[in-house]
Amino acid sequence: MELDIDVRLDYSVSSPVDLLLQIEAAAGDDQRIIEAQLNTGFAGAGWPIEAESGVGRRLWLQVQWDFICTYSARVAIEREAPDLPTLQQVKPYKLPGEMVRYLMPSRYCPSDEFQTFVNAEFGGTEGGARIAALRDWIETRFAYVSGVSGPQTTALETFVQRQGVCRDFAHVLITMARASTIPARFVSVYAPDLQPPDFHAVAEVYLDDAWHLVDPTGMAGPETIARIGVGADAADVAFMTSFGMMMLRQQTVSVRRV
């Protein structure tokens, strides 16, 4: 399937700011960029750098005036939804070296604090069956509520509150997957049919020697998702990180099926 993506960011700036931007859909084996255009206005072309794990790119910008940025793209999604319960877990000693960091606790994903829980609650499952059970458990027991969490909210806090937004749902699934000795990472994405339309976040788990997208909110299937970037958690893959003060005036994200 193909997606049309349109993004507009409008921020006021009172003094010069260094800005790290990551809003472009990433080219990859399972998604193809048909056409794309990024316009960063007065900030100019910037300095591109590689993103985490080589997925997508980040762009350094120096912003001296109000920042208005637009991005439009058509992306072909060339993956199918996997039969998740049939996927096998990779033994830790067989994992490639680059996967090891995605087994470890991270800033928002304290997986070492969840091992007792996942073993008691999901001990009869492993591999893809474990991930499917975790996904379904989160989707049915957590409420999607805007405004109840913030930039510092961890998976443990979301687990206690049983509510949050896509970022929080993804953190909980990632945390529980790592507690199950399954590498998992945070993925910023574009997806259609979201209400309200916005940037979206899902998890990605490493099973059968490949990464597989999983959305614990139930809002988007893997075959409808366009990756932007990946990281250990949200700290690695924010769509915009400013090293200075900026104030949001308007932000719109539109993702449509072609």
C-alpha atoms as a PDB file:
ATOM      1  CA  MET A   1       0.000   0.000   0.000  1.00  0.00           C
ATOM      2  CA  GLU A   2       1.000   3.655  -0.379  1.00  0.00           C
ATOM      3  CA  LEU A   3       0.742   6.538   2.074  1.00  0.00           C
ATOM      4  CA  ASP A   4       0.672  10.277   1.456  1.00  0.00           C
ATOM      5  CA  ILE A   5       2.273  12.154   4.353  1.00  0.00           C
ATOM      6  CA  ASP A   6       2.075  15.876   5.067  1.00  0.00           C
ATOM      7  CA  VAL A   7       3.608  17.590   8.102  1.00  0.00           C
ATOM      8  CA  ARG A   8       3.766  21.240   9.112  1.00  0.00           C
ATOM      9  CA  LEU A   9       5.674  22.511  12.151  1.00  0.00           C
ATOM     10  CA  ASP A  10       5.399  26.132  13.301  1.00  0.00           C
ATOM     11  CA  TYR A  11       7.430  27.257  16.336  1.00  0.00           C
ATOM     12  CA  SER A  12       8.423  30.683  17.613  1.00  0.00           C
ATOM     13  CA  VAL A  13      12.046  31.306  18.602  1.00  0.00           C
ATOM     14  CA  SER A  14      13.240  34.206  20.746  1.00  0.00           C
ATOM     15  CA  SER A  15      16.992  33.506  20.449  1.00  0.00           C
ATOM     16  CA  PRO A  16      19.196  31.258  18.257  1.00  0.00           C
ATOM     17  CA  VAL A  17      18.618  27.519  18.808  1.00  0.00           C
ATOM     18  CA  ASP A  18      20.390  24.387  17.645  1.00  0.00           C
ATOM     19  CA  LEU A  19      17.793  21.863  16.519  1.00  0.00           C
ATOM     20  CA  LEU A  20      17.933  18.134  15.757  1.00  0.00           C
ATOM     21  CA  LEU A  21      15.102  17.141  13.430  1.00  0.00           C
ATOM     22  CA  GLN A  22      13.911  13.637  12.500  1.00  0.00           C
ATOM     23  CA  ILE A  23      10.611  13.647  10.627  1.00  0.00           C
ATOM     24  CA  GLU A  24      11.495  12.065   7.274  1.00  0.00           C
ATOM     25  CA  ALA A  25      10.214   8.556   6.536  1.00  0.00           C
ATOM     26  CA  ALA A  26      13.140   6.138   6.333  1.00  0.00           C
ATOM     27  CA  ALA A  27      13.957   4.189   3.193  1.00  0.00           C
ATOM     28  CA  GLY A  28      14.377   0.457   3.807  1.00  0.00           C
ATOM     29  CA  ASP A  29      13.844  -3.046   2.498  1.00  0.00           C
ATOM     30  CA  ASP A  30      10.165  -2.975   3.505  1.00  0.00           C
ATOM     31  CA  GLN A  31       9.279   0.634   2.658  1.00  0.00           C
ATOM     32  CA  ARG A  32      10.182   2.681  -0.377  1.00  0.00           C
ATOM     33  CA  ILE A  33      10.196   6.482  -0.714  1.00  0.00           C
ATOM     34  CA  ILE A  34       8.460   7.297  -4.001  1.00  0.00           C
ATOM     35  CA  GLU A  35       8.836  11.047  -3.622  1.00  0.00           C
ATOM     36  CA  ALA A  36       9.609  13.406  -0.759  1.00  0.00           C
ATOM     37  CA  GLN A  37      10.228  17.081  -0.073  1.00  0.00           C
ATOM     38  CA  LEU A  38      11.495  18.724   3.116  1.00  0.00           C
ATOM     39  CA  ASN A  39      11.454  22.512   3.470  1.00  0.00           C
ATOM     40  CA  THR A  40      13.039  23.973   6.604  1.00  0.00           C
ATOM     41  CA  GLY A  41      12.535  27.618   5.647  1.00  0.00           C
ATOM     42  CA  PHE A  42      15.038  30.170   6.969  1.00  0.00           C
ATOM     43  CA  ALA A  43      16.954  27.390   8.760  1.00  0.00           C
ATOM     44  CA  GLY A  44      18.394  26.310   5.416  1.00  0.00           C
ATOM     45  CA  ALA A  45      19.531  22.861   4.306  1.00  0.00           C
ATOM     46  CA  GLY A  46      21.207  21.928   7.579  1.00  0.00           C
ATOM     47  CA  TRP A  47      23.681  19.094   8.217  1.00  0.00           C
ATOM     48  CA  PRO A  48      22.350  15.515   7.878  1.00  0.00           C
ATOM     49  CA  ILE A  49      23.701  12.776  10.146  1.00  0.00           C
ATOM     50  CA  GLU A  50      22.971   9.071  10.420  1.00  0.00           C
ATOM     51  CA  ALA A  51      20.229   8.082  12.838  1.00  0.00           C
ATOM     52  CA  GLU A  52      20.158   5.299  15.448  1.00  0.00           C
ATOM     53  CA  SER A  53      20.910   1.814  14.063  1.00  0.00           C
ATOM     54  CA  GLY A  54      21.199   3.340  10.581  1.00  0.00           C
ATOM     55  CA  VAL A  55      17.415   3.727  10.241  1.00  0.00           C
ATOM     56  CA  GLY A  56      16.514   7.044   8.622  1.00  0.00           C
ATOM     57  CA  ARG A  57      18.443  10.281   9.091  1.00  0.00           C
ATOM     58  CA  ARG A  58      18.580  13.211  11.462  1.00  0.00           C
ATOM     59  CA  LEU A  59      19.160  16.798  10.461  1.00  0.00           C
ATOM     60  CA  TRP A  60      21.059  19.429  12.445  1.00  0.00           C
ATOM     61  CA  LEU A  61      19.685  22.945  11.967  1.00  0.00           C
ATOM     62  CA  GLN A  62      20.611  26.346  13.351  1.00  0.00           C
ATOM     63  CA  VAL A  63      17.413  28.312  13.902  1.00  0.00           C
ATOM     64  CA  GLN A  64      17.693  32.065  14.382  1.00  0.00           C
ATOM     65  CA  TRP A  65      14.147  33.127  13.485  1.00  0.00           C
ATOM     66  CA  ASP A  66      10.756  31.524  13.873  1.00  0.00           C
ATOM     67  CA  PHE A  67      10.894  27.938  12.621  1.00  0.00           C
ATOM     68  CA  ILE A  68       8.398  26.858   9.971  1.00  0.00           C
ATOM     69  CA  CYS A  69       9.022  23.445   8.436  1.00  0.00           C
ATOM     70  CA  THR A  70       7.005  21.376   5.959  1.00  0.00           C
ATOM     71  CA  TYR A  71       7.488  17.778   4.884  1.00  0.00           C
ATOM     72  CA  SER A  72       5.541  15.835   2.281  1.00  0.00           C
ATOM     73  CA  ALA A  73       6.137  12.331   0.969  1.00  0.00           C
ATOM     74  CA  ARG A  74       4.565   9.364  -0.759  1.00  0.00           C
ATOM     75  CA  VAL A  75       5.777   6.090   0.734  1.00  0.00           C
ATOM     76  CA  ALA A  76       5.140   2.547  -0.511  1.00  0.00           C
ATOM     77  CA  ILE A  77       4.804   0.053   2.355  1.00  0.00           C
ATOM     78  CA  GLU A  78       6.055  -3.318   1.137  1.00  0.00           C
ATOM     79  CA  ARG A  79       5.625  -5.573   4.168  1.00  0.00           C
ATOM     80  CA  GLU A  80       2.911  -7.917   5.364  1.00  0.00           C
ATOM     81  CA  ALA A  81       1.693  -8.427   8.899  1.00  0.00           C
ATOM     82  CA  PRO A  82       3.536 -11.458  10.333  1.00  0.00           C
ATOM     83  CA  ASP A  83       1.857 -14.406  12.012  1.00  0.00           C
ATOM     84  CA  LEU A  84       3.293 -13.225  15.298  1.00  0.00           C
ATOM     85  CA  PRO A  85       2.613 -16.301  17.502  1.00  0.00           C
ATOM     86  CA  THR A  86       4.600 -18.543  15.127  1.00  0.00           C
ATOM     87  CA  LEU A  87       7.822 -16.502  15.313  1.00  0.00           C
ATOM     88  CA  GLN A  88      10.652 -18.042  17.301  1.00  0.00           C
ATOM     89  CA  GLN A  89      12.738 -16.372  19.994  1.00  0.00           C
ATOM     90  CA  VAL A  90      16.471 -16.091  19.302  1.00  0.00           C
ATOM     91  CA  LYS A  91      18.649 -17.470  22.094  1.00  0.00           C
ATOM     92  CA  PRO A  92      20.653 -14.654  23.719  1.00  0.00           C
ATOM     93  CA  TYR A  93      24.033 -16.178  22.846  1.00  0.00           C
ATOM     94  CA  LYS A  94      23.001 -16.260  19.173  1.00  0.00           C
ATOM     95  CA  LEU A  95      22.018 -12.592  18.991  1.00  0.00           C
ATOM     96  CA  PRO A  96      24.119 -10.301  16.775  1.00  0.00           C
ATOM     97  CA  GLY A  97      26.168  -7.821  18.762  1.00  0.00           C
ATOM     98  CA  GLU A  98      24.090  -4.822  17.697  1.00  0.00           C
ATOM     99  CA  MET A  99      20.961  -6.393  19.259  1.00  0.00           C
ATOM    100  CA  VAL A 100      22.405  -6.590  22.776  1.00  0.00           C
ATOM    101  CA  ARG A 101      21.646  -2.939  23.635  1.00  0.00           C
ATOM    102  CA  TYR A 102      17.978  -3.647  22.945  1.00  0.00           C
ATOM    103  CA  LEU A 103      17.934  -6.287  25.688  1.00  0.00           C
ATOM    104  CA  MET A 104      19.083  -3.830  28.354  1.00  0.00           C
ATOM    105  CA  PRO A 105      17.094  -1.453  30.576  1.00  0.00           C
ATOM    106  CA  SER A 106      17.007   2.127  29.295  1.00  0.00           C
ATOM    107  CA  ARG A 107      15.875   5.527  30.522  1.00  0.00           C
ATOM    108  CA  TYR A 108      12.136   4.948  30.075  1.00  0.00           C
ATOM    109  CA  CYS A 109      12.141   1.148  30.025  1.00  0.00           C
ATOM    110  CA  PRO A 110      13.291  -0.354  33.369  1.00  0.00           C
ATOM    111  CA  SER A 111      12.964  -3.949  32.170  1.00  0.00           C
ATOM    112  CA  ASP A 112      14.897  -5.378  35.125  1.00  0.00           C
ATOM    113  CA  GLU A 113      11.957  -4.396  37.352  1.00  0.00           C
ATOM    114  CA  PHE A 114       9.450  -6.409  35.298  1.00  0.00           C
ATOM    115  CA  GLN A 115      11.025  -9.863  35.124  1.00  0.00           C
ATOM    116  CA  THR A 116       9.073 -11.316  38.050  1.00  0.00           C
ATOM    117  CA  PHE A 117       5.783  -9.975  36.680  1.00  0.00           C
ATOM    118  CA  VAL A 118       6.160 -11.231  33.109  1.00  0.00           C
ATOM    119  CA  ASN A 119       7.306 -14.660  34.251  1.00  0.00           C
ATOM    120  CA  ALA A 120       4.346 -14.990  36.635  1.00  0.00           C
ATOM    121  CA  GLU A 121       1.744 -13.588  34.219  1.00  0.00           C
ATOM    122  CA  PHE A 122       3.022 -14.938  30.881  1.00  0.00           C
ATOM    123  CA  GLY A 123       5.281 -17.803  31.889  1.00  0.00           C
ATOM    124  CA  GLY A 124       3.494 -20.303  29.640  1.00  0.00           C
ATOM    125  CA  THR A 125       4.509 -18.430  26.478  1.00  0.00           C
ATOM    126  CA  GLU A 126       7.708 -17.563  24.658  1.00  0.00           C
ATOM    127  CA  GLY A 127       8.864 -15.881  21.449  1.00  0.00           C
ATOM    128  CA  GLY A 128       6.168 -14.450  19.216  1.00  0.00           C
ATOM    129  CA  ALA A 129       3.426 -16.000  21.331  1.00  0.00           C
ATOM    130  CA  ARG A 130       4.767 -14.056  24.343  1.00  0.00           C
ATOM    131  CA  ILE A 131       4.800 -10.793  22.354  1.00  0.00           C
ATOM    132  CA  ALA A 132       1.249 -11.383  21.073  1.00  0.00           C
ATOM    133  CA  ALA A 133       0.076 -12.035  24.636  1.00  0.00           C
ATOM    134  CA  LEU A 134       1.821  -8.890  25.910  1.00  0.00           C
ATOM    135  CA  ARG A 135       0.365  -6.789  23.083  1.00  0.00           C
ATOM    136  CA  ASP A 136      -3.166  -8.013  23.729  1.00  0.00           C
ATOM    137  CA  TRP A 137      -2.811  -7.584  27.491  1.00  0.00           C
ATOM    138  CA  ILE A 138      -1.681  -3.956  27.135  1.00  0.00           C
ATOM    139  CA  GLU A 139      -4.318  -3.083  24.530  1.00  0.00           C
ATOM    140  CA  THR A 140      -7.189  -4.446  26.628  1.00  0.00           C
ATOM    141  CA  ARG A 141      -6.084  -3.230  30.060  1.00  0.00           C
ATOM    142  CA  PHE A 142      -4.702   0.231  29.330  1.00  0.00           C
ATOM    143  CA  ALA A 143      -6.755   3.312  28.437  1.00  0.00           C
ATOM    144  CA  TYR A 144      -5.561   5.687  25.721  1.00  0.00           C
ATOM    145  CA  VAL A 145      -5.838   9.089  27.424  1.00  0.00           C
ATOM    146  CA  SER A 146      -4.091  12.262  26.279  1.00  0.00           C
ATOM    147  CA  GLY A 147      -2.529  14.562  28.837  1.00  0.00           C
ATOM    148  CA  VAL A 148      -2.023  12.037  31.654  1.00  0.00           C
ATOM    149  CA  SER A 149       1.670  11.492  30.900  1.00  0.00           C
ATOM    150  CA  GLY A 150       4.613  13.685  29.978  1.00  0.00           C
ATOM    151  CA  PRO A 151       8.167  13.639  28.639  1.00  0.00           C
ATOM    152  CA  GLN A 152       9.501  12.074  31.871  1.00  0.00           C
ATOM    153  CA  THR A 153       6.907   9.292  32.233  1.00  0.00           C
ATOM    154  CA  THR A 154       8.468   5.822  32.395  1.00  0.00           C
ATOM    155  CA  ALA A 155       7.005   2.420  31.596  1.00  0.00           C
ATOM    156  CA  LEU A 156       6.756   1.693  35.318  1.00  0.00           C
ATOM    157  CA  GLU A 157       4.608   4.775  35.913  1.00  0.00           C
ATOM    158  CA  THR A 158       2.381   3.908  32.948  1.00  0.00           C
ATOM    159  CA  PHE A 159       2.071   0.334  34.222  1.00  0.00           C
ATOM    160  CA  VAL A 160       0.814   1.637  37.569  1.00  0.00           C
ATOM    161  CA  GLN A 161      -1.551   4.231  36.067  1.00  0.00           C
ATOM    162  CA  ARG A 162      -2.857   1.901  33.320  1.00  0.00           C
ATOM    163  CA  GLN A 163      -3.276   4.840  30.950  1.00  0.00           C
ATOM    164  CA  GLY A 164      -1.253   6.962  28.577  1.00  0.00           C
ATOM    165  CA  VAL A 165      -0.628   7.661  24.885  1.00  0.00           C
ATOM    166  CA  CYS A 166       1.125   5.707  22.135  1.00  0.00           C
ATOM    167  CA  ARG A 167       4.588   6.558  23.478  1.00  0.00           C
ATOM    168  CA  ASP A 168       3.658   5.077  26.856  1.00  0.00           C
ATOM    169  CA  PHE A 169       2.055   1.932  25.396  1.00  0.00           C
ATOM    170  CA  ALA A 170       5.188   1.325  23.319  1.00  0.00           C
ATOM    171  CA  HIS A 171       7.452   1.771  26.355  1.00  0.00           C
ATOM    172  CA  VAL A 172       5.482  -0.804  28.355  1.00  0.00           C
ATOM    173  CA  LEU A 173       5.626  -3.401  25.569  1.00  0.00           C
ATOM    174  CA  ILE A 174       9.347  -2.789  25.004  1.00  0.00           C
ATOM    175  CA  THR A 175      10.019  -3.115  28.739  1.00  0.00           C
ATOM    176  CA  MET A 176       8.100  -6.378  29.055  1.00  0.00           C
ATOM    177  CA  ALA A 177       9.687  -7.818  25.904  1.00  0.00           C
ATOM    178  CA  ARG A 178      13.189  -7.105  27.229  1.00  0.00           C
ATOM    179  CA  ALA A 179      12.174  -8.631  30.574  1.00  0.00           C
ATOM    180  CA  SER A 180      11.297 -11.720  28.502  1.00  0.00           C
ATOM    181  CA  THR A 181      14.822 -11.720  26.937  1.00  0.00           C
ATOM    182  CA  ILE A 182      13.482 -10.525  23.577  1.00  0.00           C
ATOM    183  CA  PRO A 183      15.259  -7.508  22.023  1.00  0.00           C
ATOM    184  CA  ALA A 184      12.845  -4.623  21.579  1.00  0.00           C
ATOM    185  CA  ARG A 185      13.179  -1.028  20.453  1.00  0.00           C
ATOM    186  CA  PHE A 186      11.095   2.142  20.145  1.00  0.00           C
ATOM    187  CA  VAL A 187       9.969   3.224  16.670  1.00  0.00           C
ATOM    188  CA  SER A 188       8.626   6.618  15.615  1.00  0.00           C
ATOM    189  CA  VAL A 189       6.256   6.175  12.674  1.00  0.00           C
ATOM    190  CA  TYR A 190       3.574   7.565  10.450  1.00  0.00           C
ATOM    191  CA  ALA A 191       0.280   5.660  10.347  1.00  0.00           C
ATOM    192  CA  PRO A 192      -3.136   6.372   8.828  1.00  0.00           C
ATOM    193  CA  ASP A 193      -6.488   6.326  10.654  1.00  0.00           C
ATOM    194  CA  LEU A 194      -5.194   7.838  13.919  1.00  0.00           C
ATOM    195  CA  GLN A 195      -7.588   9.980  15.901  1.00  0.00           C
ATOM    196  CA  PRO A 196      -6.417  12.634  16.361  1.00  0.00           C
ATOM    197  CA  PRO A 197      -3.826  12.567  13.515  1.00  0.00           C
ATOM    198  CA  ASP A 198      -0.292  12.932  14.886  1.00  0.00           C
ATOM    199  CA  PHE A 199       3.139  11.371  14.963  1.00  0.00           C
ATOM    200  CA  HIS A 200       2.786   7.804  16.237  1.00  0.00           C
ATOM    201  CA  ALA A 201       4.980   5.432  18.256  1.00  0.00           C
ATOM    202  CA  VAL A 202       5.103   1.637  18.242  1.00  0.00           C
ATOM    203  CA  ALA A 203       7.479  -1.130  19.318  1.00  0.00           C
ATOM    204  CA  GLU A 204       9.677  -3.386  17.220  1.00  0.00           C
ATOM    205  CA  VAL A 205      10.772  -6.837  18.443  1.00  0.00           C
ATOM    206  CA  TYR A 206      13.552  -9.100  17.207  1.00  0.00           C
ATOM    207  CA  LEU A 207      12.267 -12.622  16.453  1.00  0.00           C
ATOM    208  CA  ASP A 208      13.331 -15.232  13.882  1.00  0.00           C
ATOM    209  CA  ASP A 209      16.398 -13.109  13.058  1.00  0.00           C
ATOM    210  CA  ALA A 210      14.343 -10.109  11.914  1.00  0.00           C
ATOM    211  CA  TRP A 211      12.636  -7.014  13.317  1.00  0.00           C
ATOM    212  CA  HIS A 212       8.825  -6.976  13.488  1.00  0.00           C
ATOM    213  CA  LEU A 213       6.598  -3.947  14.158  1.00  0.00           C
ATOM    214  CA  VAL A 214       3.976  -4.270  16.916  1.00  0.00           C
ATOM    215  CA  ASP A 215       1.444  -1.603  17.917  1.00  0.00           C
ATOM    216  CA  PRO A 216       0.102  -2.210  21.447  1.00  0.00           C
ATOM    217  CA  THR A 217      -2.521   0.532  21.015  1.00  0.00           C
ATOM    218  CA  GLY A 218      -4.191  -1.536  18.287  1.00  0.00           C
ATOM    219  CA  MET A 219      -4.439   1.553  16.072  1.00  0.00           C
ATOM    220  CA  ALA A 220      -2.132   0.479  13.220  1.00  0.00           C
ATOM    221  CA  GLY A 221      -1.169  -2.794  11.579  1.00  0.00           C
ATOM    222  CA  PRO A 222       2.463  -3.390  10.527  1.00  0.00           C
ATOM    223  CA  GLU A 223       1.431  -3.309   6.867  1.00  0.00           C
ATOM    224  CA  THR A 224       0.195   0.315   7.241  1.00  0.00           C
ATOM    225  CA  ILE A 225       3.148   1.835   9.113  1.00  0.00           C
ATOM    226  CA  ALA A 226       5.967   4.008   7.738  1.00  0.00           C
ATOM    227  CA  ARG A 227       9.063   4.046   9.963  1.00  0.00           C
ATOM    228  CA  ILE A 228      10.796   7.337  10.741  1.00  0.00           C
ATOM    229  CA  GLY A 229      13.475   6.193  13.188  1.00  0.00           C
ATOM    230  CA  VAL A 230      14.301   3.759  15.988  1.00  0.00           C
ATOM    231  CA  GLY A 231      16.010   3.834  19.375  1.00  0.00           C
ATOM    232  CA  ALA A 232      16.223   2.239  22.793  1.00  0.00           C
ATOM    233  CA  ASP A 233      13.291   4.412  23.873  1.00  0.00           C
ATOM    234  CA  ALA A 234      11.713   7.789  23.095  1.00  0.00           C
ATOM    235  CA  ALA A 235      14.826   9.675  24.212  1.00  0.00           C
ATOM    236  CA  ASP A 236      16.683   8.394  21.134  1.00  0.00           C
ATOM    237  CA  VAL A 237      14.108   9.203  18.489  1.00  0.00           C
ATOM    238  CA  ALA A 238      12.190  12.405  19.229  1.00  0.00           C
ATOM    239  CA  PHE A 239      10.903  14.037  16.037  1.00  0.00           C
ATOM    240  CA  MET A 240      12.467  17.298  17.200  1.00  0.00           C
ATOM    241  CA  THR A 241      15.020  18.081  19.926  1.00  0.00           C
ATOM    242  CA  SER A 242      15.827  21.733  20.569  1.00  0.00           C
ATOM    243  CA  PHE A 243      18.893  22.904  22.486  1.00  0.00           C
ATOM    244  CA  GLY A 244      17.241  26.133  23.525  1.00  0.00           C
ATOM    245  CA  MET A 245      13.750  27.573  24.014  1.00  0.00           C
ATOM    246  CA  MET A 246      11.067  27.162  21.339  1.00  0.00           C
ATOM    247  CA  MET A 247       7.304  27.672  21.637  1.00  0.00           C
ATOM    248  CA  LEU A 248       4.753  25.672  19.660  1.00  0.00           C
ATOM    249  CA  ARG A 249       2.345  27.755  17.593  1.00  0.00           C
ATOM    250  CA  GLN A 250       0.879  25.048  15.351  1.00  0.00           C
ATOM    251  CA  GLN A 251       1.658  21.470  14.368  1.00  0.00           C
ATOM    252  CA  THR A 252      -0.241  19.287  11.912  1.00  0.00           C
ATOM    253  CA  VAL A 253       0.339  15.727  10.705  1.00  0.00           C
ATOM    254  CA  SER A 254      -1.712  14.110   7.945  1.00  0.00           C
ATOM    255  CA  VAL A 255      -1.297  10.495   6.779  1.00  0.00           C
ATOM    256  CA  ARG A 256      -3.645   9.199   4.069  1.00  0.00           C
ATOM    257  CA  ARG A 257      -3.955   5.930   2.237  1.00  0.00           C
ATOM    258  CA  VAL A 258      -3.502   6.499  -1.500  1.00  0.00           C
END
